[in-house]
C-alpha atoms as a PDB file:
ATOM      1  CA  MET A   1      12.967 -10.987  -0.377  1.00  0.00           C
ATOM      2  CA  ASN A   2       9.701  -9.284   0.409  1.00  0.00           C
ATOM      3  CA  PRO A   3      10.218  -5.488   0.748  1.00  0.00           C
ATOM      4  CA  ILE A   4       8.499  -5.444   4.155  1.00  0.00           C
ATOM      5  CA  LEU A   5      10.847  -8.094   5.508  1.00  0.00           C
ATOM      6  CA  ALA A   6      13.841  -6.435   3.832  1.00  0.00           C
ATOM      7  CA  MET A   7      13.061  -3.075   5.469  1.00  0.00           C
ATOM      8  CA  LEU A   8      12.687  -4.703   8.879  1.00  0.00           C
ATOM      9  CA  LYS A   9      16.040  -6.473   8.449  1.00  0.00           C
ATOM     10  CA  GLU A  10      17.714  -3.224   7.289  1.00  0.00           C
ATOM     11  CA  ASN A  11      16.584  -1.657  10.556  1.00  0.00           C
ATOM     12  CA  ASN A  12      18.119  -4.486  12.593  1.00  0.00           C
ATOM     13  CA  ILE A  13      14.814  -6.048  13.598  1.00  0.00           C
ATOM     14  CA  SER A  14      15.555  -9.608  14.708  1.00  0.00           C
ATOM     15  CA  ASN A  15      13.949 -12.651  13.105  1.00  0.00           C
ATOM     16  CA  GLU A  16      12.201 -13.283  16.417  1.00  0.00           C
ATOM     17  CA  GLN A  17      10.697  -9.771  16.433  1.00  0.00           C
ATOM     18  CA  VAL A  18       9.633 -10.131  12.785  1.00  0.00           C
ATOM     19  CA  SER A  19       7.936 -13.435  13.591  1.00  0.00           C
ATOM     20  CA  GLU A  20       6.204 -11.903  16.610  1.00  0.00           C
ATOM     21  CA  LEU A  21       4.973  -8.998  14.504  1.00  0.00           C
ATOM     22  CA  PHE A  22       3.491 -11.207  11.814  1.00  0.00           C
ATOM     23  CA  GLN A  23       2.099 -13.631  14.385  1.00  0.00           C
ATOM     24  CA  ALA A  24       0.310 -10.655  15.962  1.00  0.00           C
ATOM     25  CA  LEU A  25      -0.859  -9.600  12.511  1.00  0.00           C
ATOM     26  CA  THR A  26      -2.391 -13.015  11.851  1.00  0.00           C
ATOM     27  CA  GLN A  27      -4.206 -12.977  15.191  1.00  0.00           C
ATOM     28  CA  ASN A  28      -5.164  -9.346  15.693  1.00  0.00           C
ATOM     29  CA  PRO A  29      -4.202  -6.623  13.192  1.00  0.00           C
ATOM     30  CA  LEU A  30      -4.822  -3.872  15.751  1.00  0.00           C
ATOM     31  CA  ALA A  31      -2.370  -5.497  18.158  1.00  0.00           C
ATOM     32  CA  ALA A  32       0.134  -5.706  15.306  1.00  0.00           C
ATOM     33  CA  MET A  33       0.035  -1.913  15.013  1.00  0.00           C
ATOM     34  CA  ALA A  34       1.028  -1.622  18.674  1.00  0.00           C
ATOM     35  CA  THR A  35       3.766  -4.211  18.144  1.00  0.00           C
ATOM     36  CA  ILE A  36       5.233  -2.386  15.141  1.00  0.00           C
ATOM     37  CA  SER A  37       5.287   0.893  17.060  1.00  0.00           C
ATOM     38  CA  GLN A  38       7.392  -0.775  19.770  1.00  0.00           C
ATOM     39  CA  LEU A  39      10.094  -1.821  17.293  1.00  0.00           C
ATOM     40  CA  GLY A  40      11.602   1.658  17.276  1.00  0.00           C
ATOM     41  CA  LEU A  41      11.665   2.028  13.505  1.00  0.00           C
ATOM     42  CA  PRO A  42      12.630   5.452  12.178  1.00  0.00           C
ATOM     43  CA  GLN A  43       9.499   7.414  11.271  1.00  0.00           C
ATOM     44  CA  GLU A  44      10.565   7.779   7.627  1.00  0.00           C
ATOM     45  CA  SER A  45      11.052   4.003   7.290  1.00  0.00           C
ATOM     46  CA  LEU A  46       7.693   3.322   8.864  1.00  0.00           C
ATOM     47  CA  GLN A  47       5.979   5.824   6.557  1.00  0.00           C
ATOM     48  CA  ALA A  48       7.672   4.308   3.494  1.00  0.00           C
ATOM     49  CA  LEU A  49       6.608   0.844   4.605  1.00  0.00           C
ATOM     50  CA  MET A  50       3.009   1.926   5.131  1.00  0.00           C
ATOM     51  CA  GLY A  51       3.025   3.571   1.710  1.00  0.00           C
ATOM     52  CA  GLN A  52       4.192   0.347   0.082  1.00  0.00           C
ATOM     53  CA  VAL A  53       1.535  -1.680   1.877  1.00  0.00           C
ATOM     54  CA  MET A  54      -1.202   0.808   0.936  1.00  0.00           C
ATOM     55  CA  GLN A  55      -0.173   0.624  -2.725  1.00  0.00           C
ATOM     56  CA  ASN A  56       0.267  -3.146  -2.715  1.00  0.00           C
ATOM     57  CA  PRO A  57      -1.586  -4.941   0.111  1.00  0.00           C
ATOM     58  CA  ALA A  58      -0.477  -8.296  -1.327  1.00  0.00           C
ATOM     59  CA  LEU A  59       2.944  -7.588   0.207  1.00  0.00           C
ATOM     60  CA  ILE A  60       1.520  -8.578   3.589  1.00  0.00           C
ATOM     61  CA  GLU A  61       0.282 -11.886   2.221  1.00  0.00           C
ATOM     62  CA  ASP A  62       3.655 -12.511   0.573  1.00  0.00           C
ATOM     63  CA  ALA A  63       5.521 -11.753   3.811  1.00  0.00           C
ATOM     64  CA  VAL A  64       3.228 -13.985   5.864  1.00  0.00           C
ATOM     65  CA  LYS A  65       3.755 -16.844   3.412  1.00  0.00           C
ATOM     66  CA  GLU A  66       7.519 -16.230   3.281  1.00  0.00           C
ATOM     67  CA  LEU A  67       7.586 -16.578   7.079  1.00  0.00           C
ATOM     68  CA  GLY A  68       5.608 -19.815   6.857  1.00  0.00           C
ATOM     69  CA  LEU A  69       2.529 -18.483   8.656  1.00  0.00           C
ATOM     70  CA  ASP A  70      -1.116 -19.093   7.786  1.00  0.00           C
ATOM     71  CA  PHE A  71      -2.516 -16.184   5.752  1.00  0.00           C
ATOM     72  CA  SER A  72      -6.095 -17.390   6.256  1.00  0.00           C
ATOM     73  CA  LYS A  73      -5.729 -16.195   9.875  1.00  0.00           C
ATOM     74  CA  VAL A  74      -5.116 -12.657   8.571  1.00  0.00           C
ATOM     75  CA  GLU A  75      -8.309 -12.884   6.535  1.00  0.00           C
ATOM     76  CA  GLU A  76     -10.251 -14.156   9.565  1.00  0.00           C
ATOM     77  CA  ALA A  77      -8.966 -11.301  11.708  1.00  0.00           C
ATOM     78  CA  LYS A  78      -9.837  -8.775   8.993  1.00  0.00           C
ATOM     79  CA  GLU A  79     -13.399 -10.132   8.819  1.00  0.00           C
ATOM     80  CA  LYS A  80     -13.776  -9.846  12.608  1.00  0.00           C
ATOM     81  CA  LEU A  81     -12.691  -6.198  12.449  1.00  0.00           C
ATOM     82  CA  GLN A  82     -15.241  -5.420   9.754  1.00  0.00           C
ATOM     83  CA  LYS A  83     -18.154  -6.726  11.855  1.00  0.00           C
END
């Protein structure tokens, strides 16, 4: 299992909340940051997760694919943010 998804499950984040988070990520990465802050994750878990993502951004793509979402939407959102 993807380490991002595993950490969310370890912190009792429901499948529905995980799907909502990644759906937000594929539509608007900034909104996803607000969504993740509302999950009530312990600060140390959130910092560890961010560290993993910073070191290996492909983890996001893997998690999106594992959830059956369209990763091209993440790329589109990222391009919009860069403009």
